[in-house]
Amino acid sequence: MNSFHESMVEYKKQLQRGEIQLAYQGLMAYFRDLRTHFQRTYPQASVPGNIYYGYMDMTYFSFVPESLKPRKLKIAIVFLHEAFRFEVWLAAVNKGVQTRYWKMIKESDWRKYHLASTPEGTDSILDHVLIDSPDFSDLDELTGQIEAGTLDFIREVEGFLAHHRG
């Protein structure tokens, strides 16, 4: 493993090339547009807060369909930088709610999506890969794929919750 100093030397070299800045700025602009798309297309849902830009580990925003709001659950649309993929997560407004729903799903026989191994130290209850190695050459197509996958995920979660008390 490189020392901090060695990592900073490499970081400087990468910044001097200029591609990192262009890619990161483009990704953040796309994420703002994606969030705006969800806000405008689904006015009955809420898109609270701001985009979490992260530390080049993950970037996400929350999306709260009306059906999840009374349960204090939310959806996170996430880009994981190192894995280079988009995911959708079922999350909660706080750790107590997260733990309650995590236990409910764990104790059920529902295995449609990946359940976090523990509710401690993670932000998701469930997660699902939407797009592995996304193609950024057609942003409208990419947005459509993310939207369709997110809506499918929400429908499946809603179906599960309709049959379970929480």
Protein backbone atom coordinates (compact mmCIF):
# COMPACT_ATOMS: atom_id res chain seq x y z
CA MET A 1 0.00 0.00 0.00
CA ASN A 2 1.27 3.44 -0.90
CA SER A 3 2.01 6.02 1.74
CA PHE A 4 -0.14 9.13 1.86
CA HIS A 5 2.66 11.09 0.23
CA GLU A 6 2.99 8.59 -2.64
CA SER A 7 -0.76 8.64 -3.15
CA MET A 8 -0.72 12.43 -3.31
CA VAL A 9 2.06 12.38 -5.91
CA GLU A 10 -0.06 10.04 -8.04
CA TYR A 11 -3.14 12.17 -7.42
CA LYS A 12 -1.28 15.26 -8.64
CA LYS A 13 -0.17 13.42 -11.80
CA GLN A 14 -3.74 12.34 -12.52
CA LEU A 15 -5.05 15.85 -11.95
CA GLN A 16 -2.42 17.30 -14.27
CA ARG A 17 -3.66 14.99 -17.04
CA GLY A 18 -7.09 16.66 -16.67
CA GLU A 19 -9.31 13.65 -17.36
CA ILE A 20 -10.26 13.06 -13.73
CA GLN A 21 -11.74 16.54 -13.39
CA LEU A 22 -13.70 16.25 -16.65
CA ALA A 23 -15.05 12.83 -15.77
CA TYR A 24 -16.00 13.83 -12.22
CA GLN A 25 -17.64 17.10 -13.30
CA GLY A 26 -19.56 15.24 -16.00
CA LEU A 27 -20.72 12.56 -13.57
CA MET A 28 -21.86 15.16 -11.03
CA ALA A 29 -23.73 17.12 -13.72
CA TYR A 30 -25.39 13.90 -14.87
CA PHE A 31 -26.37 13.07 -11.29
CA ARG A 32 -27.95 16.52 -10.87
CA ASP A 33 -29.89 15.97 -14.10
CA LEU A 34 -30.95 12.49 -12.97
CA ARG A 35 -32.24 13.86 -9.66
CA THR A 36 -34.11 16.63 -11.51
CA HIS A 37 -35.60 14.02 -13.85
CA PHE A 38 -37.03 12.10 -10.89
CA GLN A 39 -38.33 15.33 -9.29
CA ARG A 40 -40.12 16.44 -12.45
CA THR A 41 -41.37 13.05 -13.61
CA TYR A 42 -42.73 11.98 -10.19
CA PRO A 43 -44.07 15.13 -8.50
CA GLN A 44 -46.20 13.01 -6.14
CA ALA A 45 -42.99 11.59 -4.66
CA SER A 46 -40.43 13.61 -2.82
CA VAL A 47 -36.76 14.03 -3.54
CA PRO A 48 -35.61 15.40 -0.18
CA GLY A 49 -32.28 16.92 0.63
CA ASN A 50 -29.39 17.32 -1.73
CA ILE A 51 -27.14 15.00 -3.62
CA TYR A 52 -24.54 13.34 -1.45
CA TYR A 53 -21.38 13.74 -3.49
CA GLY A 54 -19.23 11.58 -1.23
CA TYR A 55 -15.49 11.15 -1.22
CA MET A 56 -15.24 9.54 -4.65
CA ASP A 57 -16.63 6.42 -3.00
CA MET A 58 -20.32 6.88 -3.71
CA THR A 59 -22.72 9.53 -4.89
CA TYR A 60 -26.47 9.28 -4.26
CA PHE A 61 -29.78 11.02 -3.79
CA SER A 62 -32.95 9.95 -2.03
CA PHE A 63 -36.30 9.36 -3.69
CA VAL A 64 -39.38 8.81 -1.51
CA PRO A 65 -42.49 7.38 -3.19
CA GLU A 66 -45.75 8.18 -1.39
CA SER A 67 -46.16 4.49 -0.50
CA LEU A 68 -42.93 4.42 1.51
CA LYS A 69 -43.22 7.77 3.26
CA PRO A 70 -45.58 6.60 6.08
CA ARG A 71 -43.22 3.69 6.76
CA LYS A 72 -40.28 6.11 7.01
CA LEU A 73 -38.50 4.30 4.19
CA LYS A 74 -36.79 5.77 1.17
CA ILE A 75 -35.04 4.76 -1.99
CA ALA A 76 -31.46 5.75 -2.69
CA ILE A 77 -30.18 5.92 -6.24
CA VAL A 78 -26.46 5.34 -5.89
CA PHE A 79 -23.35 5.42 -8.04
CA LEU A 80 -20.47 3.42 -6.55
CA HIS A 81 -17.31 4.92 -7.98
CA GLU A 82 -14.81 2.09 -7.53
CA ALA A 83 -17.27 -0.64 -8.56
CA PHE A 84 -18.36 1.70 -11.38
CA ARG A 85 -22.03 0.86 -11.20
CA PHE A 86 -25.45 2.23 -10.37
CA GLU A 87 -27.42 0.61 -7.58
CA VAL A 88 -30.78 1.19 -5.96
CA TRP A 89 -31.13 0.80 -2.20
CA LEU A 90 -34.00 0.53 0.22
CA ALA A 91 -33.03 2.73 3.14
CA ALA A 92 -34.70 4.30 6.16
CA VAL A 93 -34.87 7.72 7.78
CA ASN A 94 -33.02 6.46 10.87
CA LYS A 95 -31.25 3.41 12.30
CA GLY A 96 -34.25 2.29 14.37
CA VAL A 97 -36.51 2.08 11.33
CA GLN A 98 -33.72 0.50 9.32
CA THR A 99 -33.21 -2.23 11.92
CA ARG A 100 -36.95 -2.94 12.17
CA TYR A 101 -37.35 -3.47 8.41
CA TRP A 102 -34.06 -5.32 8.11
CA LYS A 103 -35.28 -7.83 10.74
CA MET A 104 -38.67 -8.12 9.03
CA ILE A 105 -37.07 -9.00 5.70
CA LYS A 106 -34.46 -11.27 7.29
CA GLU A 107 -37.15 -13.25 9.11
CA SER A 108 -39.25 -13.61 5.96
CA ASP A 109 -38.61 -15.97 3.07
CA TRP A 110 -38.32 -13.06 0.59
CA ARG A 111 -34.96 -13.19 -1.18
CA LYS A 112 -35.62 -11.08 -4.26
CA TYR A 113 -32.81 -8.62 -3.48
CA HIS A 114 -29.57 -8.59 -1.56
CA LEU A 115 -30.16 -7.96 2.14
CA ALA A 116 -27.41 -6.14 4.01
CA SER A 117 -25.53 -8.60 6.22
CA THR A 118 -26.34 -6.45 9.25
CA PRO A 119 -28.21 -3.20 9.83
CA GLU A 120 -25.15 -1.83 11.63
CA GLY A 121 -22.59 0.22 9.75
CA THR A 122 -24.47 0.33 6.46
CA ASP A 123 -26.96 2.70 4.89
CA SER A 124 -29.01 0.13 3.01
CA ILE A 125 -31.53 -2.47 4.02
CA LEU A 126 -31.70 -3.98 0.54
CA ASP A 127 -29.58 -3.22 -2.48
CA HIS A 128 -29.76 -4.12 -6.14
CA VAL A 129 -27.37 -3.49 -9.03
CA LEU A 130 -29.17 -1.47 -11.68
CA ILE A 131 -26.35 -1.08 -14.21
CA ASP A 132 -22.89 -2.55 -14.04
CA SER A 133 -20.31 -0.61 -16.10
CA PRO A 134 -22.77 2.00 -17.41
CA ASP A 135 -22.42 3.45 -20.89
CA PHE A 136 -22.35 7.24 -20.59
CA SER A 137 -22.46 7.82 -24.36
CA ASP A 138 -26.29 8.02 -24.39
CA LEU A 139 -27.45 9.73 -21.20
CA ASP A 140 -31.15 9.56 -22.09
CA GLU A 141 -30.88 5.79 -22.49
CA LEU A 142 -28.93 5.52 -19.24
CA THR A 143 -31.58 7.56 -17.41
CA GLY A 144 -34.29 5.31 -18.84
CA GLN A 145 -32.49 2.20 -17.62
CA ILE A 146 -31.98 3.64 -14.13
CA GLU A 147 -35.61 4.81 -13.97
CA ALA A 148 -37.05 1.48 -15.13
CA GLY A 149 -34.89 -0.53 -12.74
CA THR A 150 -35.72 1.79 -9.84
CA LEU A 151 -39.46 1.57 -10.52
CA ASP A 152 -39.29 -2.25 -10.70
CA PHE A 153 -37.41 -2.31 -7.40
CA ILE A 154 -40.00 -0.03 -5.79
CA ARG A 155 -42.90 -2.19 -7.05
CA GLU A 156 -41.29 -5.33 -5.65
CA VAL A 157 -40.64 -3.67 -2.28
CA GLU A 158 -44.21 -2.33 -2.18
CA GLY A 159 -45.53 -5.82 -2.96
CA PHE A 160 -43.52 -7.31 -0.12
CA LEU A 161 -44.57 -4.61 2.33
CA ALA A 162 -48.26 -4.98 1.41
CA HIS A 163 -48.13 -8.47 2.90
CA HIS A 164 -46.02 -7.69 5.97
CA ARG A 165 -46.59 -5.38 8.89
CA GLY A 166 -43.93 -2.87 9.73
